[in-house]
Amino acid sequence: MTLLYLTSLHPIGLIIAVNGVLCHGSHALSLPIAPQLRAWDVAWNVLMGTYANLHACGQPVCGTLTAVAVVAWRLNQRNDEGWGKSVVHAVCVQLLLLLALLHFVKACPDS
């Protein structure tokens, strides 16, 4: 799912894809640096989401999708089901934020 952000053809999509591969890949491989890469990934996601949501041309779609994704992300942190947690993250967080980014790119072509 993370690599689908490259389809946006936008610098935000590239940043999210690279950070997502580093974060999720390091976690999957149980690398010692995984917690630091997760924090890095979350920080960049917040920055990129904030940037996109500050543009009025993407509202209210970007804001609504982002808000739902953030709530799903926080609730999913309490979920202990291995594959279920991954499915919720992919569908309710990554997919919604991808749709928000694609809308932002289309609605705000000069951003």
Protein backbone atom coordinates (compact mmCIF):
# COMPACT_ATOMS: atom_id res chain seq x y z
CA MET A 1 0.00 0.00 0.00
CA THR A 2 2.82 2.41 0.87
CA LEU A 3 4.23 2.42 -2.65
CA LEU A 4 0.86 3.52 -4.05
CA TYR A 5 1.71 7.00 -2.79
CA LEU A 6 4.12 7.23 -5.73
CA THR A 7 1.07 7.32 -8.05
CA SER A 8 0.36 10.86 -6.82
CA LEU A 9 3.39 12.08 -8.81
CA HIS A 10 3.86 14.68 -6.07
CA PRO A 11 6.85 15.25 -3.76
CA ILE A 12 4.63 14.52 -0.73
CA GLY A 13 3.84 11.10 -2.18
CA LEU A 14 7.54 10.35 -2.68
CA ILE A 15 8.42 11.38 0.89
CA ILE A 16 5.58 9.30 2.34
CA ALA A 17 6.48 6.26 0.21
CA VAL A 18 10.18 6.31 1.13
CA ASN A 19 9.51 6.88 4.84
CA GLY A 20 6.78 4.23 4.84
CA VAL A 21 9.06 1.62 3.29
CA LEU A 22 11.77 2.41 5.84
CA CYS A 23 9.32 2.35 8.76
CA HIS A 24 7.30 -0.73 7.84
CA GLY A 25 10.30 -2.58 6.41
CA SER A 26 12.40 -2.06 9.53
CA HIS A 27 9.47 -3.20 11.69
CA ALA A 28 8.90 -6.32 9.55
CA LEU A 29 12.60 -7.19 9.84
CA SER A 30 12.65 -6.42 13.60
CA LEU A 31 15.56 -4.04 13.16
CA PRO A 32 16.79 -2.22 16.29
CA ILE A 33 16.28 1.14 14.56
CA ALA A 34 12.56 0.43 13.90
CA PRO A 35 11.22 2.62 16.76
CA GLN A 36 13.25 5.62 15.58
CA LEU A 37 12.13 5.12 11.97
CA ARG A 38 8.51 4.85 13.12
CA ALA A 39 8.82 8.17 14.97
CA TRP A 40 10.44 9.71 11.88
CA ASP A 41 7.64 8.35 9.66
CA VAL A 42 4.87 9.62 11.96
CA ALA A 43 6.50 13.07 12.22
CA TRP A 44 6.78 13.41 8.44
CA ASN A 45 3.21 12.16 7.95
CA VAL A 46 1.98 14.82 10.38
CA LEU A 47 4.00 17.52 8.59
CA MET A 48 2.82 16.49 5.12
CA GLY A 49 -0.78 16.13 6.29
CA THR A 50 -0.68 19.54 7.92
CA TYR A 51 0.77 21.09 4.77
CA ALA A 52 -1.95 19.59 2.57
CA ASN A 53 -4.74 20.50 4.99
CA LEU A 54 -3.63 24.12 5.28
CA HIS A 55 -4.58 24.66 1.63
CA ALA A 56 -8.21 25.71 1.34
CA CYS A 57 -8.43 24.28 -2.19
CA GLY A 58 -8.38 20.75 -0.78
CA GLN A 59 -11.07 21.30 1.83
CA PRO A 60 -13.37 19.85 3.10
CA VAL A 61 -12.37 16.52 1.52
CA CYS A 62 -8.75 16.47 2.75
CA GLY A 63 -9.71 17.53 6.24
CA THR A 64 -12.47 14.96 6.58
CA LEU A 65 -10.37 12.07 5.25
CA THR A 66 -7.43 13.07 7.43
CA ALA A 67 -9.57 13.36 10.56
CA VAL A 68 -11.12 9.92 10.04
CA ALA A 69 -7.68 8.40 9.34
CA VAL A 70 -6.17 9.95 12.48
CA VAL A 71 -9.01 8.62 14.65
CA ALA A 72 -8.64 5.16 13.07
CA TRP A 73 -4.87 5.26 13.63
CA ARG A 74 -5.26 6.13 17.31
CA LEU A 75 -7.97 3.51 17.90
CA ASN A 76 -5.92 0.90 16.04
CA GLN A 77 -3.04 1.40 18.45
CA ARG A 78 -5.20 -0.41 21.02
CA ASN A 79 -5.78 -3.32 18.66
CA ASP A 80 -3.64 -6.40 19.42
CA GLU A 81 -4.81 -8.60 16.54
CA GLY A 82 -1.79 -9.09 14.25
CA TRP A 83 -3.30 -9.28 10.77
CA GLY A 84 -6.43 -7.37 11.80
CA LYS A 85 -4.31 -4.45 12.93
CA SER A 86 -2.50 -4.47 9.58
CA VAL A 87 -5.76 -4.55 7.62
CA VAL A 88 -7.24 -1.67 9.62
CA HIS A 89 -4.03 0.33 9.14
CA ALA A 90 -3.95 -0.31 5.39
CA VAL A 91 -7.64 0.41 4.74
CA CYS A 92 -8.60 2.98 7.36
CA VAL A 93 -5.34 4.91 7.58
CA GLN A 94 -3.13 4.45 4.53
CA LEU A 95 -5.91 4.26 1.94
CA LEU A 96 -7.82 7.24 3.36
CA LEU A 97 -4.66 9.35 3.50
CA LEU A 98 -3.77 8.31 -0.05
CA LEU A 99 -7.22 9.41 -1.23
CA ALA A 100 -6.74 12.70 0.63
CA LEU A 101 -3.37 13.22 -1.07
CA LEU A 102 -4.76 12.39 -4.52
CA HIS A 103 -7.59 14.86 -3.95
CA PHE A 104 -5.11 17.50 -2.77
CA VAL A 105 -2.94 17.03 -5.87
CA LYS A 106 -5.96 17.38 -8.15
CA ALA A 107 -7.63 20.25 -6.26
CA CYS A 108 -4.42 22.21 -5.61
CA PRO A 109 -2.26 21.72 -8.72
CA ASP A 110 0.10 24.59 -7.87
CA SER A 111 0.94 23.30 -4.37
